C-alpha atoms as a PDB file:
ATOM      1  CA  UNK A   1      46.946 -82.556 116.262  1.00  0.00           C
ATOM      2  CA  UNK A   2      44.382 -79.785 116.045  1.00  0.00           C
ATOM      3  CA  UNK A   3      45.441 -76.612 114.219  1.00  0.00           C
ATOM      4  CA  UNK A   4      44.369 -73.592 116.239  1.00  0.00           C
ATOM      5  CA  UNK A   5      45.779 -70.602 114.407  1.00  0.00           C
ATOM      6  CA  UNK A   6      46.493 -69.112 110.974  1.00  0.00           C
ATOM      7  CA  UNK A   7      48.951 -66.398 110.027  1.00  0.00           C
ATOM      8  CA  UNK A   8      48.407 -64.669 106.699  1.00  0.00           C
ATOM      9  CA  UNK A   9      51.427 -62.765 105.363  1.00  0.00           C
ATOM     10  CA  UNK A  10      49.979 -59.657 103.700  1.00  0.00           C
ATOM     11  CA  UNK A  11      52.665 -56.988 104.167  1.00  0.00           C
ATOM     12  CA  UNK A  12      54.127 -56.957 100.647  1.00  0.00           C
ATOM     13  CA  UNK A  13      53.799 -54.145  98.122  1.00  0.00           C
ATOM     14  CA  UNK A  14      52.813 -56.257  95.107  1.00  0.00           C
ATOM     15  CA  UNK A  15      54.858 -54.042  92.793  1.00  0.00           C
ATOM     16  CA  UNK A  16      54.287 -56.164  89.670  1.00  0.00           C
ATOM     17  CA  UNK A  17      50.515 -55.708  89.756  1.00  0.00           C
ATOM     18  CA  UNK A  18      50.253 -52.167  91.161  1.00  0.00           C
ATOM     19  CA  UNK A  19      49.366 -50.729  87.736  1.00  0.00           C
ATOM     20  CA  UNK A  20      46.145 -52.719  87.789  1.00  0.00           C
ATOM     21  CA  UNK A  21      45.321 -52.070  91.465  1.00  0.00           C
ATOM     22  CA  UNK A  22      47.304 -48.981  92.556  1.00  0.00           C
ATOM     23  CA  UNK A  23      45.258 -48.070  95.620  1.00  0.00           C
ATOM     24  CA  UNK A  24      45.028 -51.299  97.563  1.00  0.00           C
ATOM     25  CA  UNK A  25      47.054 -54.373  98.530  1.00  0.00           C
ATOM     26  CA  UNK A  26      46.791 -57.107  95.938  1.00  0.00           C
ATOM     27  CA  UNK A  27      45.226 -59.515  98.435  1.00  0.00           C
ATOM     28  CA  UNK A  28      42.091 -57.347  98.166  1.00  0.00           C
ATOM     29  CA  UNK A  29      41.717 -58.082  94.461  1.00  0.00           C
ATOM     30  CA  UNK A  30      38.262 -59.513  93.863  1.00  0.00           C
ATOM     31  CA  UNK A  31      38.054 -63.068  92.615  1.00  0.00           C
ATOM     32  CA  UNK A  32      35.859 -63.064  89.509  1.00  0.00           C
ATOM     33  CA  UNK A  33      32.412 -64.617  90.092  1.00  0.00           C
ATOM     34  CA  UNK A  34      33.160 -65.325  93.777  1.00  0.00           C
ATOM     35  CA  UNK A  35      32.034 -62.009  95.315  1.00  0.00           C
ATOM     36  CA  UNK A  36      35.005 -61.906  97.644  1.00  0.00           C
ATOM     37  CA  UNK A  37      38.671 -60.914  97.646  1.00  0.00           C
ATOM     38  CA  UNK A  38      41.661 -63.251  97.631  1.00  0.00           C
ATOM     39  CA  UNK A  39      42.246 -62.805 101.356  1.00  0.00           C
ATOM     40  CA  UNK A  40      38.520 -62.856 102.059  1.00  0.00           C
ATOM     41  CA  UNK A  41      38.249 -66.311 100.540  1.00  0.00           C
ATOM     42  CA  UNK A  42      41.286 -67.502 102.518  1.00  0.00           C
ATOM     43  CA  UNK A  43      39.568 -66.379 105.720  1.00  0.00           C
ATOM     44  CA  UNK A  44      36.364 -68.168 104.709  1.00  0.00           C
ATOM     45  CA  UNK A  45      38.240 -71.436 104.105  1.00  0.00           C
ATOM     46  CA  UNK A  46      40.168 -71.168 107.373  1.00  0.00           C
ATOM     47  CA  UNK A  47      36.956 -70.680 109.329  1.00  0.00           C
ATOM     48  CA  UNK A  48      35.393 -73.673 107.582  1.00  0.00           C
ATOM     49  CA  UNK A  49      38.290 -75.668 109.039  1.00  0.00           C
ATOM     50  CA  UNK A  50      37.372 -74.347 112.499  1.00  0.00           C
ATOM     51  CA  UNK A  51      40.441 -72.098 112.681  1.00  0.00           C
ATOM     52  CA  UNK A  52      39.151 -69.127 114.608  1.00  0.00           C
ATOM     53  CA  UNK A  53      42.400 -67.407 115.598  1.00  0.00           C
ATOM     54  CA  UNK A  54      43.485 -65.642 112.396  1.00  0.00           C
ATOM     55  CA  UNK A  55      46.285 -63.083 112.378  1.00  0.00           C
ATOM     56  CA  UNK A  56      46.792 -60.984 109.246  1.00  0.00           C
ATOM     57  CA  UNK A  57      50.191 -59.279 109.120  1.00  0.00           C
ATOM     58  CA  UNK A  58      49.935 -56.050 107.149  1.00  0.00           C
ATOM     59  CA  UNK A  59      52.424 -53.501 105.850  1.00  0.00           C
ATOM     60  CA  UNK A  60      51.751 -51.814 102.518  1.00  0.00           C
ATOM     61  CA  UNK A  61      48.502 -49.795 102.655  1.00  0.00           C
ATOM     62  CA  UNK A  62      47.795 -51.279 106.046  1.00  0.00           C
ATOM     63  CA  UNK A  63      44.880 -48.952 106.811  1.00  0.00           C
ATOM     64  CA  UNK A  64      43.074 -49.947 103.610  1.00  0.00           C
ATOM     65  CA  UNK A  65      43.455 -53.630 104.412  1.00  0.00           C
ATOM     66  CA  UNK A  66      42.532 -53.167 108.061  1.00  0.00           C
ATOM     67  CA  UNK A  67      39.295 -51.425 107.054  1.00  0.00           C
ATOM     68  CA  UNK A  68      38.340 -54.303 104.742  1.00  0.00           C
ATOM     69  CA  UNK A  69      39.201 -56.903 107.355  1.00  0.00           C
ATOM     70  CA  UNK A  70      36.883 -55.226 109.864  1.00  0.00           C
ATOM     71  CA  UNK A  71      34.022 -56.781 107.879  1.00  0.00           C
ATOM     72  CA  UNK A  72      35.062 -60.185 109.228  1.00  0.00           C
ATOM     73  CA  UNK A  73      34.570 -61.290 112.811  1.00  0.00           C
ATOM     74  CA  UNK A  74      37.474 -62.095 115.130  1.00  0.00           C
ATOM     75  CA  UNK A  75      40.345 -61.229 112.775  1.00  0.00           C
ATOM     76  CA  UNK A  76      43.491 -59.907 114.442  1.00  0.00           C
ATOM     77  CA  UNK A  77      45.594 -57.434 112.468  1.00  0.00           C
ATOM     78  CA  UNK A  78      49.308 -56.867 113.038  1.00  0.00           C
ATOM     79  CA  UNK A  79      51.471 -54.221 111.384  1.00  0.00           C
ATOM     80  CA  UNK A  80      55.022 -54.798 110.178  1.00  0.00           C
ATOM     81  CA  UNK A  81      56.677 -51.374 109.784  1.00  0.00           C
ATOM     82  CA  UNK A  82      59.735 -52.474 107.796  1.00  0.00           C
ATOM     83  CA  UNK A  83      57.869 -54.020 104.860  1.00  0.00           C
ATOM     84  CA  UNK A  84      59.759 -51.844 102.346  1.00  0.00           C
ATOM     85  CA  UNK A  85      63.141 -53.014 103.631  1.00  0.00           C
ATOM     86  CA  UNK A  86      62.823 -56.772 104.139  1.00  0.00           C
ATOM     87  CA  UNK A  87      61.101 -59.853 102.849  1.00  0.00           C
ATOM     88  CA  UNK A  88      58.732 -62.111 104.744  1.00  0.00           C
ATOM     89  CA  UNK A  89      61.360 -63.938 106.815  1.00  0.00           C
ATOM     90  CA  UNK A  90      61.626 -60.812 108.947  1.00  0.00           C
ATOM     91  CA  UNK A  91      57.900 -60.144 108.679  1.00  0.00           C
ATOM     92  CA  UNK A  92      57.166 -63.464 110.364  1.00  0.00           C
ATOM     93  CA  UNK A  93      60.050 -63.117 112.817  1.00  0.00           C
ATOM     94  CA  UNK A  94      58.683 -59.731 113.949  1.00  0.00           C
ATOM     95  CA  UNK A  95      55.711 -61.693 115.313  1.00  0.00           C
ATOM     96  CA  UNK A  96      57.746 -64.532 116.817  1.00  0.00           C
ATOM     97  CA  UNK A  97      55.653 -64.480 119.986  1.00  0.00           C
ATOM     98  CA  UNK A  98      52.836 -65.894 117.846  1.00  0.00           C
ATOM     99  CA  UNK A  99      54.921 -68.964 116.996  1.00  0.00           C
ATOM    100  CA  UNK A 100      54.013 -70.941 120.093  1.00  0.00           C
ATOM    101  CA  UNK A 101      51.276 -73.254 118.840  1.00  0.00           C
ATOM    102  CA  UNK A 102      50.233 -75.144 115.753  1.00  0.00           C
ATOM    103  CA  UNK A 103      49.376 -72.866 112.846  1.00  0.00           C
ATOM    104  CA  UNK A 104      48.919 -72.563 109.119  1.00  0.00           C
ATOM    105  CA  UNK A 105      50.986 -69.935 107.311  1.00  0.00           C
ATOM    106  CA  UNK A 106      49.655 -68.522 104.033  1.00  0.00           C
ATOM    107  CA  UNK A 107      50.906 -66.054 101.463  1.00  0.00           C
ATOM    108  CA  UNK A 108      48.028 -63.577 101.117  1.00  0.00           C
ATOM    109  CA  UNK A 109      48.033 -63.601  97.304  1.00  0.00           C
ATOM    110  CA  UNK A 110      47.273 -67.287  96.690  1.00  0.00           C
ATOM    111  CA  UNK A 111      43.913 -68.509  95.396  1.00  0.00           C
ATOM    112  CA  UNK A 112      43.468 -72.235  95.947  1.00  0.00           C
ATOM    113  CA  UNK A 113      41.099 -75.177  96.086  1.00  0.00           C
ATOM    114  CA  UNK A 114      39.600 -75.859  99.530  1.00  0.00           C
ATOM    115  CA  UNK A 115      40.886 -79.456  99.389  1.00  0.00           C
ATOM    116  CA  UNK A 116      44.498 -78.230  99.601  1.00  0.00           C
ATOM    117  CA  UNK A 117      43.944 -76.603 102.983  1.00  0.00           C
ATOM    118  CA  UNK A 118      41.862 -79.553 104.193  1.00  0.00           C
ATOM    119  CA  UNK A 119      44.639 -82.006 103.363  1.00  0.00           C
ATOM    120  CA  UNK A 120      47.612 -80.205 104.896  1.00  0.00           C
ATOM    121  CA  UNK A 121      45.640 -79.659 108.107  1.00  0.00           C
ATOM    122  CA  UNK A 122      44.677 -83.343 108.220  1.00  0.00           C
ATOM    123  CA  UNK A 123      48.260 -84.616 107.998  1.00  0.00           C
ATOM    124  CA  UNK A 124      49.592 -85.453 111.475  1.00  0.00           C
ATOM    125  CA  UNK A 125      53.133 -84.181 110.934  1.00  0.00           C
ATOM    126  CA  UNK A 126      55.259 -81.390 112.402  1.00  0.00           C
ATOM    127  CA  UNK A 127      55.612 -79.588 109.091  1.00  0.00           C
ATOM    128  CA  UNK A 128      53.547 -80.025 105.942  1.00  0.00           C
ATOM    129  CA  UNK A 129      54.138 -77.857 102.871  1.00  0.00           C
ATOM    130  CA  UNK A 130      51.628 -77.680 100.025  1.00  0.00           C
ATOM    131  CA  UNK A 131      53.436 -78.361  96.757  1.00  0.00           C
ATOM    132  CA  UNK A 132      52.513 -79.074  93.136  1.00  0.00           C
ATOM    133  CA  UNK A 133      54.660 -81.647  91.354  1.00  0.00           C
ATOM    134  CA  UNK A 134      52.877 -81.226  88.020  1.00  0.00           C
ATOM    135  CA  UNK A 135      54.935 -78.158  87.078  1.00  0.00           C
ATOM    136  CA  UNK A 136      58.139 -76.293  87.877  1.00  0.00           C
ATOM    137  CA  UNK A 137      57.503 -72.624  87.172  1.00  0.00           C
ATOM    138  CA  UNK A 138      59.642 -69.510  86.865  1.00  0.00           C
ATOM    139  CA  UNK A 139      59.289 -66.751  89.483  1.00  0.00           C
ATOM    140  CA  UNK A 140      58.176 -69.226  92.141  1.00  0.00           C
ATOM    141  CA  UNK A 141      59.805 -71.302  94.847  1.00  0.00           C
ATOM    142  CA  UNK A 142      60.690 -74.685  93.513  1.00  0.00           C
ATOM    143  CA  UNK A 143      61.116 -77.815  95.611  1.00  0.00           C
ATOM    144  CA  UNK A 144      63.085 -81.030  95.453  1.00  0.00           C
ATOM    145  CA  UNK A 145      61.749 -84.245  96.950  1.00  0.00           C
ATOM    146  CA  UNK A 146      63.165 -87.653  97.792  1.00  0.00           C
ATOM    147  CA  UNK A 147      61.510 -90.643  99.422  1.00  0.00           C
ATOM    148  CA  UNK A 148      58.316 -88.651 100.024  1.00  0.00           C
ATOM    149  CA  UNK A 149      60.128 -85.883 101.927  1.00  0.00           C
ATOM    150  CA  UNK A 150      61.164 -82.357 100.989  1.00  0.00           C
ATOM    151  CA  UNK A 151      64.929 -82.152 100.604  1.00  0.00           C
ATOM    152  CA  UNK A 152      65.198 -78.561  99.327  1.00  0.00           C
ATOM    153  CA  UNK A 153      63.022 -75.491  98.793  1.00  0.00           C
ATOM    154  CA  UNK A 154      63.566 -72.051  97.279  1.00  0.00           C
ATOM    155  CA  UNK A 155      63.996 -69.975  94.151  1.00  0.00           C
ATOM    156  CA  UNK A 156      67.659 -71.069  93.885  1.00  0.00           C
ATOM    157  CA  UNK A 157      66.454 -74.401  92.461  1.00  0.00           C
ATOM    158  CA  UNK A 158      66.285 -74.183  88.686  1.00  0.00           C
ATOM    159  CA  UNK A 159      63.082 -75.007  86.836  1.00  0.00           C
ATOM    160  CA  UNK A 160      64.871 -77.950  85.216  1.00  0.00           C
ATOM    161  CA  UNK A 161      66.042 -79.426  88.515  1.00  0.00           C
ATOM    162  CA  UNK A 162      62.904 -78.637  90.492  1.00  0.00           C
ATOM    163  CA  UNK A 163      60.425 -81.416  91.174  1.00  0.00           C
ATOM    164  CA  UNK A 164      57.584 -78.935  91.576  1.00  0.00           C
ATOM    165  CA  UNK A 165      56.533 -75.706  93.273  1.00  0.00           C
ATOM    166  CA  UNK A 166      55.832 -74.616  96.824  1.00  0.00           C
ATOM    167  CA  UNK A 167      52.475 -72.843  96.564  1.00  0.00           C
ATOM    168  CA  UNK A 168      52.714 -70.598  99.634  1.00  0.00           C
ATOM    169  CA  UNK A 169      50.777 -72.640 102.216  1.00  0.00           C
ATOM    170  CA  UNK A 170      52.416 -74.520 105.084  1.00  0.00           C
ATOM    171  CA  UNK A 171      51.197 -76.185 108.311  1.00  0.00           C
ATOM    172  CA  UNK A 172      53.299 -76.344 111.490  1.00  0.00           C
ATOM    173  CA  UNK A 173      52.580 -78.355 114.627  1.00  0.00           C
ATOM    174  CA  UNK A 174      53.432 -76.795 118.001  1.00  0.00           C
ATOM    175  CA  UNK A 175      56.847 -78.479 117.831  1.00  0.00           C
ATOM    176  CA  UNK A 176      57.288 -77.403 114.212  1.00  0.00           C
ATOM    177  CA  UNK A 177      56.333 -73.843 115.126  1.00  0.00           C
ATOM    178  CA  UNK A 178      59.033 -73.684 117.798  1.00  0.00           C
ATOM    179  CA  UNK A 179      61.626 -75.083 115.386  1.00  0.00           C
ATOM    180  CA  UNK A 180      60.615 -72.469 112.834  1.00  0.00           C
ATOM    181  CA  UNK A 181      60.980 -69.653 115.372  1.00  0.00           C
ATOM    182  CA  UNK A 182      64.445 -70.867 116.348  1.00  0.00           C
ATOM    183  CA  UNK A 183      65.652 -70.961 112.756  1.00  0.00           C
ATOM    184  CA  UNK A 184      64.073 -67.639 111.789  1.00  0.00           C
ATOM    185  CA  UNK A 185      66.012 -66.051 114.650  1.00  0.00           C
ATOM    186  CA  UNK A 186      69.266 -67.590 113.459  1.00  0.00           C
ATOM    187  CA  UNK A 187      68.640 -66.210 109.945  1.00  0.00           C
ATOM    188  CA  UNK A 188      67.358 -62.777 111.008  1.00  0.00           C
ATOM    189  CA  UNK A 189      70.045 -60.850 109.105  1.00  0.00           C
ATOM    190  CA  UNK A 190      68.864 -62.322 105.786  1.00  0.00           C
ATOM    191  CA  UNK A 191      66.667 -59.298 105.089  1.00  0.00           C
ATOM    192  CA  UNK A 192      65.886 -60.111 101.470  1.00  0.00           C
ATOM    193  CA  UNK A 193      64.854 -63.715 102.084  1.00  0.00           C
ATOM    194  CA  UNK A 194      61.545 -65.538 102.372  1.00  0.00           C
ATOM    195  CA  UNK A 195      60.795 -67.517 105.531  1.00  0.00           C
ATOM    196  CA  UNK A 196      61.214 -70.720 103.531  1.00  0.00           C
ATOM    197  CA  UNK A 197      64.998 -70.538 104.021  1.00  0.00           C
ATOM    198  CA  UNK A 198      64.258 -71.447 107.639  1.00  0.00           C
ATOM    199  CA  UNK A 199      62.578 -74.606 106.329  1.00  0.00           C
ATOM    200  CA  UNK A 200      65.645 -75.245 104.177  1.00  0.00           C
ATOM    201  CA  UNK A 201      67.826 -74.935 107.279  1.00  0.00           C
ATOM    202  CA  UNK A 202      65.570 -77.329 109.172  1.00  0.00           C
ATOM    203  CA  UNK A 203      66.007 -79.852 106.360  1.00  0.00           C
ATOM    204  CA  UNK A 204      69.779 -79.391 106.557  1.00  0.00           C
ATOM    205  CA  UNK A 205      69.580 -80.095 110.289  1.00  0.00           C
ATOM    206  CA  UNK A 206      67.851 -83.428 109.542  1.00  0.00           C
ATOM    207  CA  UNK A 207      64.340 -82.398 110.517  1.00  0.00           C
ATOM    208  CA  UNK A 208      61.680 -84.239 108.556  1.00  0.00           C
ATOM    209  CA  UNK A 209      59.665 -81.977 106.236  1.00  0.00           C
ATOM    210  CA  UNK A 210      56.532 -83.512 104.759  1.00  0.00           C
ATOM    211  CA  UNK A 211      54.301 -82.310 101.950  1.00  0.00           C
ATOM    212  CA  UNK A 212      50.901 -82.595 100.378  1.00  0.00           C
ATOM    213  CA  UNK A 213      51.011 -82.793  96.596  1.00  0.00           C
ATOM    214  CA  UNK A 214      48.140 -80.732  95.213  1.00  0.00           C
ATOM    215  CA  UNK A 215      48.732 -81.905  91.646  1.00  0.00           C
ATOM    216  CA  UNK A 216      45.441 -81.664  89.785  1.00  0.00           C
ATOM    217  CA  UNK A 217      43.900 -79.146  92.190  1.00  0.00           C
ATOM    218  CA  UNK A 218      43.598 -75.480  91.265  1.00  0.00           C
ATOM    219  CA  UNK A 219      45.907 -72.869  92.762  1.00  0.00           C
ATOM    220  CA  UNK A 220      47.207 -69.551  91.504  1.00  0.00           C
ATOM    221  CA  UNK A 221      49.592 -67.031  93.033  1.00  0.00           C
ATOM    222  CA  UNK A 222      48.615 -63.553  91.844  1.00  0.00           C
ATOM    223  CA  UNK A 223      51.853 -61.659  91.229  1.00  0.00           C
ATOM    224  CA  UNK A 224      51.337 -60.114  87.815  1.00  0.00           C
ATOM    225  CA  UNK A 225      48.606 -58.761  85.540  1.00  0.00           C
ATOM    226  CA  UNK A 226      48.937 -61.942  83.479  1.00  0.00           C
ATOM    227  CA  UNK A 227      48.302 -64.019  86.623  1.00  0.00           C
ATOM    228  CA  UNK A 228      45.076 -62.103  87.181  1.00  0.00           C
ATOM    229  CA  UNK A 229      43.980 -62.642  83.579  1.00  0.00           C
ATOM    230  CA  UNK A 230      44.528 -66.375  84.022  1.00  0.00           C
ATOM    231  CA  UNK A 231      42.546 -66.290  87.277  1.00  0.00           C
ATOM    232  CA  UNK A 232      39.626 -64.675  85.469  1.00  0.00           C
ATOM    233  CA  UNK A 233      39.611 -67.573  82.998  1.00  0.00           C
ATOM    234  CA  UNK A 234      39.856 -70.251  85.660  1.00  0.00           C
ATOM    235  CA  UNK A 235      38.002 -68.963  88.724  1.00  0.00           C
ATOM    236  CA  UNK A 236      35.206 -71.467  88.048  1.00  0.00           C
ATOM    237  CA  UNK A 237      37.643 -74.192  89.220  1.00  0.00           C
ATOM    238  CA  UNK A 238      37.546 -73.166  92.878  1.00  0.00           C
END
């Protein structure tokens, strides 16, 4: 099951970190000591996994991001015009014609160890979410697991009841991609939701959802100024 495509969701406004970086999308924040941005490093890791078809979906400050992405070869850029009005369920659904083959979906603000991407790509399953069972954090999407399968995902799960966090990276086979598209369409009126509610619906419909537990490997979602400060302290880990 060869993964042929990646979709990076980079349309969001990043309102909680705009004071630190007011003039660009947060995915363009430079990773300390790495000489590249968050999204730049994601692209590097994808290409190392021989994923050459990379679509970046932009919204907020799209022109700024598009200019930076022009420095990379063979990157496709899509624009989602309603980024102020909806969350990424509708962002991804807007590009449903792309959901016809295996792909990796990434939140554009996640810094992570290369081994995480390597492992979810290697798993021969229809859907593989990258999770971390070592912690259940606030302001993230928690998960619940049972018998080595995901049985729930989303921010509605309390930190006490969560078995870990979804870290914003997910692999879909061609079959998984088509199932995702079907469920995104069903949920299209959920304007404030993340695309992960489509995964939740797939679980409810008895589809098997697998995971790779990245416990012990570094990852960091950069939402706040505090997140960036912690990244500065720990960037040597990636």
